[in-house]
Amino acid sequence: MRHRAFQTKSQDRFSMFLVGIVVFLLLVAVSYNGMTLKAKQDTYQERIAELNEQIAEQQQRSQQLEALKNYTKTDAYIEEVAKEKLGLVHPGEIVFRIKR
């Protein structure tokens, strides 16, 4: 009975070696997962930068459309369309046409 209760030194060393291997493998696994997560984070940061750039472009486009919307409500726009599309002129205005 006494022999089972106490392990020999070689068994202690072997047990410590196995524990060391397990700890090393855990360290490698955690490091690998950390590097993988870092790569994903970098990818996501690039995607966020691209999306923020697209948001800025769309906001600028929205402002341009808003300005165009406001311009279409003015008399100047109506007059411009009447001249270009309908060929209308103000009374007394002389129109020169170039023949091609």
N, C-alpha and C. Protein backbone atom coordinates (compact mmCIF):
# COMPACT_ATOMS: atom_id res chain seq x y z
N MET A 1 0.79 -1.19 0.00
CA MET A 1 0.00 0.00 0.00
C MET A 1 0.84 1.26 0.00
N ARG A 2 1.90 1.21 0.64
CA ARG A 2 2.74 2.37 0.75
C ARG A 2 3.31 2.77 -0.61
N HIS A 3 3.55 1.84 -1.47
CA HIS A 3 4.12 2.14 -2.78
C HIS A 3 3.12 2.87 -3.68
N ARG A 4 1.86 2.59 -3.53
CA ARG A 4 0.86 3.26 -4.34
C ARG A 4 0.61 4.69 -3.89
N ALA A 5 0.76 4.97 -2.65
CA ALA A 5 0.49 6.30 -2.12
C ALA A 5 1.55 7.31 -2.55
N PHE A 6 2.75 6.86 -2.74
CA PHE A 6 3.84 7.76 -3.12
C PHE A 6 4.35 7.40 -4.51
N GLN A 7 4.51 8.42 -5.34
CA GLN A 7 5.04 8.17 -6.67
C GLN A 7 6.56 8.31 -6.63
N THR A 8 7.20 7.68 -7.56
CA THR A 8 8.66 7.80 -7.62
C THR A 8 9.02 9.11 -8.30
N LYS A 9 10.27 9.47 -8.22
CA LYS A 9 10.73 10.73 -8.82
C LYS A 9 10.56 10.72 -10.34
N SER A 10 10.77 9.59 -10.98
CA SER A 10 10.63 9.54 -12.43
C SER A 10 9.17 9.75 -12.84
N GLN A 11 8.24 9.23 -12.04
CA GLN A 11 6.83 9.45 -12.33
C GLN A 11 6.46 10.92 -12.13
N ASP A 12 7.03 11.57 -11.10
CA ASP A 12 6.80 13.00 -10.87
C ASP A 12 7.32 13.82 -12.05
N ARG A 13 8.48 13.49 -12.52
CA ARG A 13 9.06 14.22 -13.65
C ARG A 13 8.23 14.04 -14.91
N PHE A 14 7.79 12.81 -15.14
CA PHE A 14 6.97 12.54 -16.32
C PHE A 14 5.65 13.31 -16.23
N SER A 15 5.04 13.34 -15.07
CA SER A 15 3.79 14.08 -14.88
C SER A 15 4.00 15.57 -15.12
N MET A 16 5.09 16.12 -14.61
CA MET A 16 5.39 17.54 -14.81
C MET A 16 5.66 17.82 -16.29
N PHE A 17 6.32 16.88 -16.97
CA PHE A 17 6.57 17.02 -18.40
C PHE A 17 5.26 17.07 -19.17
N LEU A 18 4.32 16.19 -18.83
CA LEU A 18 3.02 16.18 -19.50
C LEU A 18 2.25 17.47 -19.22
N VAL A 19 2.28 17.93 -17.99
CA VAL A 19 1.61 19.19 -17.65
C VAL A 19 2.24 20.33 -18.43
N GLY A 20 3.56 20.35 -18.56
CA GLY A 20 4.25 21.38 -19.32
C GLY A 20 3.84 21.37 -20.78
N ILE A 21 3.72 20.16 -21.36
CA ILE A 21 3.29 20.05 -22.75
C ILE A 21 1.87 20.58 -22.93
N VAL A 22 0.98 20.22 -22.01
CA VAL A 22 -0.40 20.69 -22.09
C VAL A 22 -0.46 22.21 -21.99
N VAL A 23 0.30 22.79 -21.06
CA VAL A 23 0.33 24.24 -20.90
C VAL A 23 0.89 24.89 -22.17
N PHE A 24 1.95 24.31 -22.73
CA PHE A 24 2.54 24.84 -23.96
C PHE A 24 1.53 24.79 -25.10
N LEU A 25 0.82 23.68 -25.25
CA LEU A 25 -0.18 23.55 -26.31
C LEU A 25 -1.31 24.56 -26.13
N LEU A 26 -1.72 24.77 -24.90
CA LEU A 26 -2.75 25.78 -24.63
C LEU A 26 -2.24 27.18 -25.00
N LEU A 27 -1.00 27.46 -24.67
CA LEU A 27 -0.40 28.74 -25.00
C LEU A 27 -0.35 28.94 -26.52
N VAL A 28 0.02 27.90 -27.26
CA VAL A 28 0.06 27.98 -28.72
C VAL A 28 -1.34 28.20 -29.27
N ALA A 29 -2.33 27.49 -28.76
CA ALA A 29 -3.70 27.64 -29.25
C ALA A 29 -4.23 29.04 -28.98
N VAL A 30 -3.98 29.57 -27.80
CA VAL A 30 -4.45 30.91 -27.45
C VAL A 30 -3.74 31.95 -28.33
N SER A 31 -2.45 31.78 -28.56
CA SER A 31 -1.71 32.72 -29.40
C SER A 31 -2.23 32.70 -30.83
N TYR A 32 -2.49 31.51 -31.36
CA TYR A 32 -3.00 31.39 -32.72
C TYR A 32 -4.37 32.06 -32.83
N ASN A 33 -5.24 31.79 -31.88
CA ASN A 33 -6.56 32.43 -31.91
C ASN A 33 -6.45 33.94 -31.78
N GLY A 34 -5.50 34.40 -30.98
CA GLY A 34 -5.29 35.84 -30.83
C GLY A 34 -4.85 36.48 -32.15
N MET A 35 -3.96 35.81 -32.86
CA MET A 35 -3.51 36.34 -34.15
C MET A 35 -4.65 36.33 -35.16
N THR A 36 -5.45 35.28 -35.14
CA THR A 36 -6.60 35.20 -36.04
C THR A 36 -7.58 36.34 -35.76
N LEU A 37 -7.85 36.58 -34.50
CA LEU A 37 -8.77 37.67 -34.13
C LEU A 37 -8.19 39.03 -34.51
N LYS A 38 -6.88 39.19 -34.38
CA LYS A 38 -6.24 40.45 -34.76
C LYS A 38 -6.38 40.68 -36.26
N ALA A 39 -6.21 39.63 -37.05
CA ALA A 39 -6.37 39.75 -38.50
C ALA A 39 -7.81 40.13 -38.85
N LYS A 40 -8.78 39.50 -38.18
CA LYS A 40 -10.19 39.84 -38.42
C LYS A 40 -10.46 41.28 -38.04
N GLN A 41 -9.89 41.70 -36.93
CA GLN A 41 -10.10 43.08 -36.48
C GLN A 41 -9.55 44.06 -37.50
N ASP A 42 -8.37 43.78 -38.05
CA ASP A 42 -7.79 44.66 -39.07
C ASP A 42 -8.69 44.72 -40.30
N THR A 43 -9.22 43.57 -40.70
CA THR A 43 -10.12 43.53 -41.85
C THR A 43 -11.37 44.36 -41.57
N TYR A 44 -11.91 44.20 -40.39
CA TYR A 44 -13.12 44.96 -40.03
C TYR A 44 -12.83 46.46 -39.96
N GLN A 45 -11.66 46.85 -39.48
CA GLN A 45 -11.31 48.26 -39.41
C GLN A 45 -11.22 48.86 -40.82
N GLU A 46 -10.64 48.10 -41.76
CA GLU A 46 -10.58 48.56 -43.15
C GLU A 46 -11.99 48.71 -43.72
N ARG A 47 -12.85 47.75 -43.43
CA ARG A 47 -14.23 47.79 -43.93
C ARG A 47 -14.97 48.99 -43.34
N ILE A 48 -14.74 49.27 -42.06
CA ILE A 48 -15.37 50.42 -41.41
C ILE A 48 -14.91 51.71 -42.09
N ALA A 49 -13.62 51.80 -42.41
CA ALA A 49 -13.10 53.00 -43.08
C ALA A 49 -13.75 53.16 -44.45
N GLU A 50 -13.89 52.07 -45.20
CA GLU A 50 -14.54 52.12 -46.51
C GLU A 50 -15.99 52.57 -46.38
N LEU A 51 -16.69 52.01 -45.41
CA LEU A 51 -18.10 52.36 -45.23
C LEU A 51 -18.26 53.82 -44.80
N ASN A 52 -17.36 54.30 -43.95
CA ASN A 52 -17.42 55.71 -43.55
C ASN A 52 -17.19 56.62 -44.75
N GLU A 53 -16.29 56.21 -45.65
CA GLU A 53 -16.05 56.98 -46.86
C GLU A 53 -17.30 56.99 -47.74
N GLN A 54 -17.94 55.84 -47.86
CA GLN A 54 -19.18 55.77 -48.65
C GLN A 54 -20.28 56.62 -48.04
N ILE A 55 -20.35 56.62 -46.72
CA ILE A 55 -21.35 57.45 -46.03
C ILE A 55 -21.11 58.92 -46.35
N ALA A 56 -19.85 59.35 -46.31
CA ALA A 56 -19.53 60.75 -46.61
C ALA A 56 -19.91 61.09 -48.05
N GLU A 57 -19.61 60.17 -48.98
CA GLU A 57 -19.97 60.41 -50.38
C GLU A 57 -21.48 60.51 -50.56
N GLN A 58 -22.21 59.64 -49.90
CA GLN A 58 -23.67 59.65 -50.03
C GLN A 58 -24.27 60.89 -49.37
N GLN A 59 -23.68 61.35 -48.28
CA GLN A 59 -24.16 62.58 -47.66
C GLN A 59 -23.94 63.77 -48.59
N GLN A 60 -22.77 63.78 -49.26
CA GLN A 60 -22.50 64.86 -50.21
C GLN A 60 -23.49 64.79 -51.36
N ARG A 61 -23.75 63.59 -51.86
CA ARG A 61 -24.72 63.43 -52.95
C ARG A 61 -26.11 63.86 -52.50
N SER A 62 -26.46 63.55 -51.27
CA SER A 62 -27.75 63.96 -50.72
C SER A 62 -27.86 65.49 -50.68
N GLN A 63 -26.78 66.14 -50.31
CA GLN A 63 -26.79 67.60 -50.29
C GLN A 63 -26.94 68.17 -51.71
N GLN A 64 -26.26 67.54 -52.67
CA GLN A 64 -26.39 67.99 -54.05
C GLN A 64 -27.82 67.82 -54.55
N LEU A 65 -28.42 66.69 -54.22
CA LEU A 65 -29.81 66.45 -54.64
C LEU A 65 -30.76 67.43 -53.96
N GLU A 66 -30.50 67.74 -52.72
CA GLU A 66 -31.33 68.70 -52.01
C GLU A 66 -31.22 70.08 -52.66
N ALA A 67 -29.98 70.46 -53.04
CA ALA A 67 -29.78 71.74 -53.72
C ALA A 67 -30.50 71.75 -55.08
N LEU A 68 -30.43 70.63 -55.82
CA LEU A 68 -31.12 70.53 -57.10
C LEU A 68 -32.63 70.60 -56.89
N LYS A 69 -33.12 69.97 -55.85
CA LYS A 69 -34.56 69.99 -55.55
C LYS A 69 -35.01 71.43 -55.29
N ASN A 70 -34.22 72.14 -54.52
CA ASN A 70 -34.56 73.54 -54.24
C ASN A 70 -34.46 74.39 -55.50
N TYR A 71 -33.47 74.11 -56.37
CA TYR A 71 -33.31 74.87 -57.61
C TYR A 71 -34.48 74.64 -58.55
N THR A 72 -35.00 73.43 -58.58
CA THR A 72 -36.11 73.13 -59.49
C THR A 72 -37.39 73.88 -59.10
N LYS A 73 -37.43 74.40 -57.90
CA LYS A 73 -38.61 75.15 -57.46
C LYS A 73 -38.51 76.64 -57.78
N THR A 74 -37.39 77.07 -58.37
CA THR A 74 -37.19 78.50 -58.63
C THR A 74 -37.68 78.87 -60.03
N ASP A 75 -37.90 80.16 -60.22
CA ASP A 75 -38.31 80.67 -61.53
C ASP A 75 -37.18 80.53 -62.55
N ALA A 76 -35.94 80.64 -62.10
CA ALA A 76 -34.79 80.52 -63.01
C ALA A 76 -34.77 79.15 -63.66
N TYR A 77 -35.08 78.12 -62.90
CA TYR A 77 -35.10 76.76 -63.45
C TYR A 77 -36.23 76.61 -64.47
N ILE A 78 -37.38 77.13 -64.11
CA ILE A 78 -38.54 77.03 -65.02
C ILE A 78 -38.23 77.77 -66.33
N GLU A 79 -37.61 78.92 -66.22
CA GLU A 79 -37.25 79.68 -67.41
C GLU A 79 -36.21 78.93 -68.25
N GLU A 80 -35.24 78.33 -67.59
CA GLU A 80 -34.21 77.57 -68.30
C GLU A 80 -34.81 76.39 -69.07
N VAL A 81 -35.71 75.65 -68.44
CA VAL A 81 -36.36 74.51 -69.09
C VAL A 81 -37.23 74.98 -70.24
N ALA A 82 -37.93 76.08 -70.05
CA ALA A 82 -38.80 76.60 -71.11
C ALA A 82 -37.98 77.00 -72.34
N LYS A 83 -36.80 77.56 -72.13
CA LYS A 83 -35.95 77.96 -73.25
C LYS A 83 -35.34 76.74 -73.93
N GLU A 84 -34.80 75.82 -73.14
CA GLU A 84 -34.09 74.67 -73.71
C GLU A 84 -35.02 73.65 -74.35
N LYS A 85 -36.04 73.27 -73.65
CA LYS A 85 -36.89 72.17 -74.11
C LYS A 85 -38.04 72.63 -75.00
N LEU A 86 -38.60 73.78 -74.67
CA LEU A 86 -39.79 74.23 -75.40
C LEU A 86 -39.48 75.32 -76.42
N GLY A 87 -38.29 75.89 -76.37
CA GLY A 87 -37.92 76.93 -77.32
C GLY A 87 -38.62 78.25 -77.08
N LEU A 88 -39.12 78.48 -75.90
CA LEU A 88 -39.82 79.73 -75.58
C LEU A 88 -38.80 80.84 -75.32
N VAL A 89 -39.21 82.09 -75.60
CA VAL A 89 -38.35 83.25 -75.36
C VAL A 89 -39.20 84.35 -74.73
N HIS A 90 -38.51 85.31 -74.13
CA HIS A 90 -39.20 86.48 -73.58
C HIS A 90 -39.65 87.37 -74.73
N PRO A 91 -40.72 88.12 -74.52
CA PRO A 91 -41.15 89.06 -75.57
C PRO A 91 -40.03 90.07 -75.86
N GLY A 92 -39.76 90.30 -77.13
CA GLY A 92 -38.72 91.24 -77.52
C GLY A 92 -37.33 90.64 -77.55
N GLU A 93 -37.18 89.39 -77.16
CA GLU A 93 -35.87 88.74 -77.16
C GLU A 93 -35.59 88.20 -78.56
N ILE A 94 -34.37 88.39 -79.03
CA ILE A 94 -33.99 87.93 -80.37
C ILE A 94 -33.18 86.64 -80.22
N VAL A 95 -33.55 85.64 -81.02
CA VAL A 95 -32.87 84.35 -80.96
C VAL A 95 -32.12 84.15 -82.27
N PHE A 96 -30.87 83.82 -82.18
CA PHE A 96 -30.05 83.51 -83.35
C PHE A 96 -29.86 82.00 -83.40
N ARG A 97 -30.11 81.43 -84.57
CA ARG A 97 -29.92 80.01 -84.75
C ARG A 97 -28.83 79.78 -85.78
N ILE A 98 -27.96 78.87 -85.50
CA ILE A 98 -26.86 78.55 -86.40
C ILE A 98 -27.24 77.31 -87.18
N LYS A 99 -27.16 77.41 -88.51
CA LYS A 99 -27.47 76.26 -89.35
C LYS A 99 -26.21 75.42 -89.51
N ARG A 100 -26.38 74.14 -89.44
CA ARG A 100 -25.22 73.24 -89.57
C ARG A 100 -25.32 72.41 -90.79
